[in-house]
C-alpha atoms as a PDB file:
ATOM      1  CA  MET A   1      77.943 136.142 141.791  1.00  0.00           C
ATOM      2  CA  LEU A   2      79.457 137.544 144.964  1.00  0.00           C
ATOM      3  CA  ALA A   3      76.341 139.654 145.558  1.00  0.00           C
ATOM      4  CA  ILE A   4      74.147 136.587 145.091  1.00  0.00           C
ATOM      5  CA  GLY A   5      76.306 134.624 147.520  1.00  0.00           C
ATOM      6  CA  ARG A   6      76.142 137.372 150.123  1.00  0.00           C
ATOM      7  CA  CYS A   7      72.385 137.542 149.724  1.00  0.00           C
ATOM      8  CA  LEU A   8      71.991 133.787 150.201  1.00  0.00           C
ATOM      9  CA  MET A   9      73.794 133.941 153.541  1.00  0.00           C
ATOM     10  CA  GLY A  10      70.669 135.599 154.963  1.00  0.00           C
ATOM     11  CA  GLN A  11      68.461 132.672 153.818  1.00  0.00           C
ATOM     12  CA  PRO A  12      65.998 134.916 151.943  1.00  0.00           C
ATOM     13  CA  GLU A  13      62.519 133.927 150.833  1.00  0.00           C
ATOM     14  CA  LEU A  14      62.650 136.554 148.051  1.00  0.00           C
ATOM     15  CA  ILE A  15      65.535 137.907 145.999  1.00  0.00           C
ATOM     16  CA  MET A  16      65.120 140.990 143.835  1.00  0.00           C
ATOM     17  CA  PHE A  17      67.427 141.284 140.817  1.00  0.00           C
ATOM     18  CA  ASP A  18      67.687 144.684 139.123  1.00  0.00           C
ATOM     19  CA  GLU A  19      69.290 144.399 135.683  1.00  0.00           C
ATOM     20  CA  PRO A  20      71.798 141.640 136.510  1.00  0.00           C
ATOM     21  CA  SER A  21      73.057 141.161 132.931  1.00  0.00           C
ATOM     22  CA  PRO A  22      74.296 144.485 131.456  1.00  0.00           C
ATOM     23  CA  GLY A  23      78.031 144.684 130.986  1.00  0.00           C
ATOM     24  CA  LEU A  24      78.628 140.969 131.528  1.00  0.00           C
ATOM     25  CA  ALA A  25      80.151 138.568 129.036  1.00  0.00           C
ATOM     26  CA  PRO A  26      77.538 136.340 127.353  1.00  0.00           C
ATOM     27  CA  THR A  27      78.788 133.225 129.140  1.00  0.00           C
ATOM     28  CA  VAL A  28      78.542 134.997 132.501  1.00  0.00           C
ATOM     29  CA  VAL A  29      75.019 136.184 131.668  1.00  0.00           C
ATOM     30  CA  GLN A  30      74.030 132.570 130.953  1.00  0.00           C
ATOM     31  CA  GLU A  31      75.485 131.493 134.296  1.00  0.00           C
ATOM     32  CA  VAL A  32      73.631 134.251 136.162  1.00  0.00           C
ATOM     33  CA  PHE A  33      70.328 133.211 134.549  1.00  0.00           C
ATOM     34  CA  ARG A  34      71.018 129.536 135.335  1.00  0.00           C
ATOM     35  CA  THR A  35      71.656 130.523 138.944  1.00  0.00           C
ATOM     36  CA  ILE A  36      68.428 132.532 139.110  1.00  0.00           C
ATOM     37  CA  ARG A  37      66.494 129.574 137.679  1.00  0.00           C
ATOM     38  CA  ARG A  38      68.079 127.175 140.203  1.00  0.00           C
ATOM     39  CA  LEU A  39      67.327 129.473 143.140  1.00  0.00           C
ATOM     40  CA  ASN A  40      63.695 129.687 142.070  1.00  0.00           C
ATOM     41  CA  ARG A  41      63.440 125.912 141.713  1.00  0.00           C
ATOM     42  CA  GLU A  42      64.801 125.623 145.252  1.00  0.00           C
ATOM     43  CA  GLY A  43      61.833 127.636 146.500  1.00  0.00           C
ATOM     44  CA  ILE A  44      63.144 131.199 146.594  1.00  0.00           C
ATOM     45  CA  ALA A  45      60.772 133.743 145.056  1.00  0.00           C
ATOM     46  CA  ILE A  46      62.491 135.878 142.418  1.00  0.00           C
ATOM     47  CA  LEU A  47      61.631 139.394 141.265  1.00  0.00           C
ATOM     48  CA  LEU A  48      63.650 140.095 138.119  1.00  0.00           C
ATOM     49  CA  VAL A  49      63.767 143.476 136.396  1.00  0.00           C
ATOM     50  CA  GLU A  50      65.628 143.017 133.133  1.00  0.00           C
ATOM     51  CA  GLN A  51      65.865 144.476 129.633  1.00  0.00           C
ATOM     52  CA  ASN A  52      67.272 141.236 128.235  1.00  0.00           C
ATOM     53  CA  VAL A  53      63.736 140.130 127.365  1.00  0.00           C
ATOM     54  CA  ALA A  54      63.921 136.679 125.767  1.00  0.00           C
ATOM     55  CA  PRO A  55      66.003 134.919 128.450  1.00  0.00           C
ATOM     56  CA  SER A  56      64.008 136.662 131.172  1.00  0.00           C
ATOM     57  CA  LEU A  57      60.702 135.451 129.756  1.00  0.00           C
ATOM     58  CA  LYS A  58      62.076 131.912 129.531  1.00  0.00           C
ATOM     59  CA  LEU A  59      62.610 132.067 133.300  1.00  0.00           C
ATOM     60  CA  ALA A  60      59.395 133.810 134.245  1.00  0.00           C
ATOM     61  CA  GLY A  61      56.439 132.087 135.807  1.00  0.00           C
ATOM     62  CA  HIS A  62      54.611 135.388 135.420  1.00  0.00           C
ATOM     63  CA  ALA A  63      55.797 138.490 133.591  1.00  0.00           C
ATOM     64  CA  TYR A  64      54.886 142.136 133.218  1.00  0.00           C
ATOM     65  CA  VAL A  65      56.147 144.173 130.286  1.00  0.00           C
ATOM     66  CA  LEU A  66      56.347 147.860 131.109  1.00  0.00           C
ATOM     67  CA  GLU A  67      56.190 150.617 128.539  1.00  0.00           C
ATOM     68  CA  GLN A  68      56.843 154.161 129.743  1.00  0.00           C
ATOM     69  CA  GLY A  69      56.167 153.098 133.326  1.00  0.00           C
ATOM     70  CA  ARG A  70      52.862 151.350 132.614  1.00  0.00           C
ATOM     71  CA  VAL A  71      52.011 147.689 132.288  1.00  0.00           C
ATOM     72  CA  ALA A  72      51.705 147.046 128.553  1.00  0.00           C
ATOM     73  CA  LEU A  73      51.484 143.248 128.602  1.00  0.00           C
ATOM     74  CA  THR A  74      51.127 140.589 131.259  1.00  0.00           C
ATOM     75  CA  GLY A  75      51.036 136.800 131.290  1.00  0.00           C
ATOM     76  CA  THR A  76      53.291 133.843 131.811  1.00  0.00           C
ATOM     77  CA  GLY A  77      56.751 134.084 130.336  1.00  0.00           C
ATOM     78  CA  ALA A  78      55.851 131.335 127.860  1.00  0.00           C
ATOM     79  CA  GLU A  79      52.710 133.204 126.770  1.00  0.00           C
ATOM     80  CA  LEU A  80      54.581 136.436 126.176  1.00  0.00           C
ATOM     81  CA  LEU A  81      57.330 134.673 124.226  1.00  0.00           C
ATOM     82  CA  VAL A  82      54.744 133.669 121.616  1.00  0.00           C
ATOM     83  CA  ASP A  83      52.553 136.793 121.859  1.00  0.00           C
ATOM     84  CA  ASP A  84      52.812 138.656 118.536  1.00  0.00           C
ATOM     85  CA  ARG A  85      52.647 142.065 120.252  1.00  0.00           C
ATOM     86  CA  ALA A  86      55.549 141.187 122.534  1.00  0.00           C
ATOM     87  CA  ARG A  87      57.556 139.545 119.755  1.00  0.00           C
ATOM     88  CA  GLN A  88      57.304 142.559 117.460  1.00  0.00           C
ATOM     89  CA  ALA A  89      57.642 145.325 120.027  1.00  0.00           C
ATOM     90  CA  TYR A  90      60.180 143.877 122.468  1.00  0.00           C
ATOM     91  CA  LEU A  91      61.875 140.851 120.938  1.00  0.00           C
ATOM     92  CA  GLY A  92      62.420 142.266 117.452  1.00  0.00           C
ATOM     93  CA  LEU A  93      60.990 139.120 115.843  1.00  0.00           C
END
């Protein structure tokens, strides 16, 4: 949260998040994702790289799923959440 606060002091138009959730308690992860969602709603573009797939796709206006460095799937977050290929391969559903 401190890093996000420091970033916001520069009034960015884009914030890039690289794996913000690993190692955090589940409640803190939820707060980080809520913050990312709020920042985006306030007009800041967000680039999120994250292995925590389901919550990331819930946030995403557009998403790319990479497999071995190549784009395997693309679409809106909502589309990929219900895409059978994404569900089986990445969400374990």
